[in-house]
Protein backbone atom coordinates (compact mmCIF):
# COMPACT_ATOMS: atom_id res chain seq x y z
CA MET A 1 218.10 -15.75 84.53
CA SER A 2 217.55 -14.34 80.65
CA SER A 3 214.08 -15.42 79.20
CA ASN A 4 215.99 -17.31 76.38
CA ALA A 5 217.53 -19.60 79.34
CA LEU A 6 214.21 -20.06 80.74
CA ILE A 7 212.56 -21.20 77.20
CA PHE A 8 215.67 -23.62 76.74
CA ILE A 9 215.35 -25.04 80.45
CA SER A 10 211.36 -25.18 80.02
CA VAL A 11 211.89 -26.98 76.72
CA ALA A 12 214.46 -29.55 77.77
CA VAL A 13 212.33 -30.56 80.95
CA ALA A 14 209.25 -30.69 78.76
CA VAL A 15 210.81 -32.90 76.03
CA SER A 16 212.52 -35.25 79.19
CA ALA A 17 209.00 -35.75 80.57
CA VAL A 18 207.73 -36.77 77.37
CA SER A 19 210.77 -39.32 76.81
CA PHE A 20 210.48 -40.40 80.44
CA PHE A 21 206.71 -41.15 79.79
CA LEU A 22 207.62 -43.24 76.53
CA ASP A 23 210.60 -45.21 77.74
CA LYS A 24 211.49 -44.82 81.16
CA GLU A 25 214.85 -46.93 80.58
CA LYS A 26 216.49 -45.33 77.81
CA THR A 27 215.46 -41.85 79.42
CA MET A 28 217.39 -42.63 82.50
CA ALA A 29 220.23 -44.20 80.52
CA GLY A 30 220.53 -40.97 78.54
CA PHE A 31 220.63 -38.97 81.73
CA LYS A 32 223.56 -41.12 82.87
CA ARG A 33 225.57 -40.71 79.86
CA GLY A 34 225.04 -36.92 79.81
CA TRP A 35 225.92 -36.92 83.37
CA GLN A 36 229.14 -38.79 82.73
CA MET A 37 230.12 -36.38 79.69
CA PHE A 38 229.46 -33.55 82.39
CA LYS A 39 231.85 -34.96 84.75
CA ARG A 40 234.61 -35.42 81.90
CA ILE A 41 234.33 -31.94 80.73
CA LEU A 42 233.72 -30.43 83.99
CA LEU A 43 237.42 -30.04 84.95
CA PRO A 44 238.68 -28.84 81.82
CA LEU A 45 236.06 -26.23 81.31
CA LEU A 46 236.92 -24.88 84.91
CA ASN A 47 240.58 -25.00 84.28
CA ILE A 48 240.06 -23.03 80.76
CA LEU A 49 237.52 -20.58 82.79
CA ILE A 50 240.26 -19.91 85.54
CA ILE A 51 243.13 -19.55 83.06
CA VAL A 52 241.30 -17.13 81.24
CA SER A 53 239.98 -14.98 83.95
CA ILE A 54 243.45 -14.37 85.67
CA ALA A 55 244.56 -13.50 82.29
CA LEU A 56 241.85 -11.02 81.49
CA PHE A 57 242.53 -9.70 84.87
CA ALA A 58 246.18 -9.78 84.99
CA ILE A 59 246.10 -7.73 81.58
CA PRO A 60 245.14 -4.05 82.18
CA PRO A 61 242.42 -2.82 79.73
CA SER A 62 244.92 -0.38 78.33
CA ALA A 63 246.88 -3.16 77.25
CA ILE A 64 244.07 -5.23 75.62
CA GLU A 65 242.75 -1.78 74.02
CA GLU A 66 246.12 -0.81 72.56
CA TYR A 67 246.84 -4.51 70.94
CA LEU A 68 243.00 -5.23 70.26
CA GLY A 69 241.18 -2.33 70.11
CA ALA A 70 240.16 -0.17 67.22
CA GLY A 71 243.09 1.37 66.90
CA SER A 72 245.38 -1.49 66.99
CA GLY A 73 245.06 -1.89 62.81
CA VAL A 74 246.52 -4.74 61.30
CA GLY A 75 248.29 -5.85 63.95
CA GLY A 76 245.30 -6.50 66.18
CA PHE A 77 243.67 -8.37 63.57
CA PHE A 78 247.05 -10.32 63.51
CA ILE A 79 247.25 -11.16 67.14
CA ALA A 80 243.85 -12.23 67.13
CA ALA A 81 244.28 -14.59 64.41
CA ILE A 82 247.23 -16.17 65.61
CA VAL A 83 245.85 -16.72 69.10
CA GLY A 84 242.82 -17.82 67.90
CA SER A 85 244.25 -20.59 65.84
CA ILE A 86 246.70 -21.84 68.41
CA ALA A 87 244.10 -21.76 71.35
CA PHE A 88 242.16 -24.90 71.90
CA ILE A 89 239.10 -23.51 73.38
CA PRO A 90 235.61 -24.88 72.88
CA PRO A 91 233.16 -22.46 71.26
CA PHE A 92 230.97 -22.28 74.21
CA ILE A 93 233.83 -20.72 76.31
CA SER A 94 235.01 -18.40 74.05
CA TYR A 95 231.67 -16.32 74.01
CA PRO A 96 232.34 -15.20 77.76
CA ILE A 97 235.79 -14.52 76.56
CA ALA A 98 234.65 -12.63 73.70
CA ALA A 99 232.55 -10.80 75.95
CA GLY A 100 235.11 -9.93 78.66
CA LEU A 101 237.64 -8.79 75.74
CA LEU A 102 234.84 -6.20 74.46
CA GLN A 103 234.30 -4.96 77.74
CA GLN A 104 238.04 -4.48 77.98
CA GLY A 105 238.19 -2.38 75.08
CA ALA A 106 238.71 -5.08 72.25
CA SER A 107 237.08 -3.79 68.84
CA TYR A 108 234.23 -6.05 67.25
CA ALA A 109 236.34 -6.64 64.17
CA VAL A 110 239.35 -8.03 66.19
CA VAL A 111 236.98 -10.02 68.53
CA ALA A 112 235.01 -11.53 65.54
CA THR A 113 238.46 -12.63 63.91
CA LEU A 114 239.46 -14.27 67.06
CA MET A 115 236.09 -15.90 67.40
CA THR A 116 236.19 -17.28 63.95
CA THR A 117 239.80 -18.40 64.12
CA LEU A 118 238.97 -20.21 67.27
CA ILE A 119 236.20 -22.12 65.66
CA MET A 120 237.49 -22.88 62.17
CA VAL A 121 241.26 -22.96 62.75
CA GLY A 122 242.96 -25.57 64.65
CA ILE A 123 246.87 -25.46 64.88
CA VAL A 124 246.58 -28.02 67.84
CA THR A 125 244.32 -30.26 65.99
CA LEU A 126 246.42 -30.37 62.87
CA PRO A 127 248.10 -33.66 63.47
CA LEU A 128 244.98 -35.51 64.21
CA GLU A 129 243.06 -33.71 61.01
CA ILE A 130 246.18 -34.75 58.76
CA GLN A 131 245.52 -38.39 59.75
CA TYR A 132 241.97 -38.18 58.54
CA LEU A 133 241.89 -35.57 55.66
CA GLY A 134 245.68 -35.89 54.32
CA ARG A 135 248.41 -33.15 54.56
CA ARG A 136 247.39 -31.26 51.40
CA ALA A 137 243.84 -30.64 52.59
CA ALA A 138 244.26 -30.24 56.22
CA ILE A 139 246.88 -27.67 55.54
CA ALA A 140 244.67 -25.87 52.75
CA ARG A 141 241.48 -26.21 54.94
CA ASN A 142 243.35 -24.31 57.90
CA VAL A 143 244.90 -21.56 55.89
CA LEU A 144 241.99 -20.84 53.65
CA ASN A 145 239.75 -20.38 57.04
CA PHE A 146 242.49 -18.41 58.65
CA PHE A 147 242.24 -15.93 55.98
CA ALA A 148 238.45 -16.29 55.57
CA ALA A 149 238.57 -15.24 59.60
CA ILE A 150 240.31 -12.14 58.82
CA ILE A 151 237.80 -11.31 56.15
CA ILE A 152 235.07 -11.85 58.20
CA GLY A 153 236.59 -9.72 61.05
CA LEU A 154 237.10 -7.07 58.60
CA ALA A 155 233.21 -7.42 57.46
CA ILE A 156 232.07 -6.94 60.96
CA GLY A 157 234.26 -3.89 61.20
CA VAL A 158 232.68 -2.47 58.41
CA ILE A 159 229.43 -3.35 59.46
CA LEU A 160 229.52 -2.21 63.12
């Protein structure tokens, strides 16, 4: 376990203990609500992890390096941007995916593009976004973020 994990766990335990001391009922209600939330996301989370694990196992590292590696050029950025825009994966799941892609030979620039589009662009959630923001604003936000993600990926490629 990393030192950061130990620090976060220690802080969470300490804050929970203080909260429990101050108001036992609210703290227990909070734990119950947190447990219910955890149970709701557990199955989708496991499904995503299983699918991604199978995909990373099934796709040979040579293919990942060819299509997403440093030599993939514009095509690698485009593939990463499209996949990231369409995939509906929570950010905390995408970090292990990114690590796996890097280990399989993907370039930092392409992975940065993928990660940025996963977080900033949402084709799957676009209909809901249109309801709240309006068609013009929702599409403009997604298109601008799509190009921003590519620019961020290119910048990461230059830096690293």
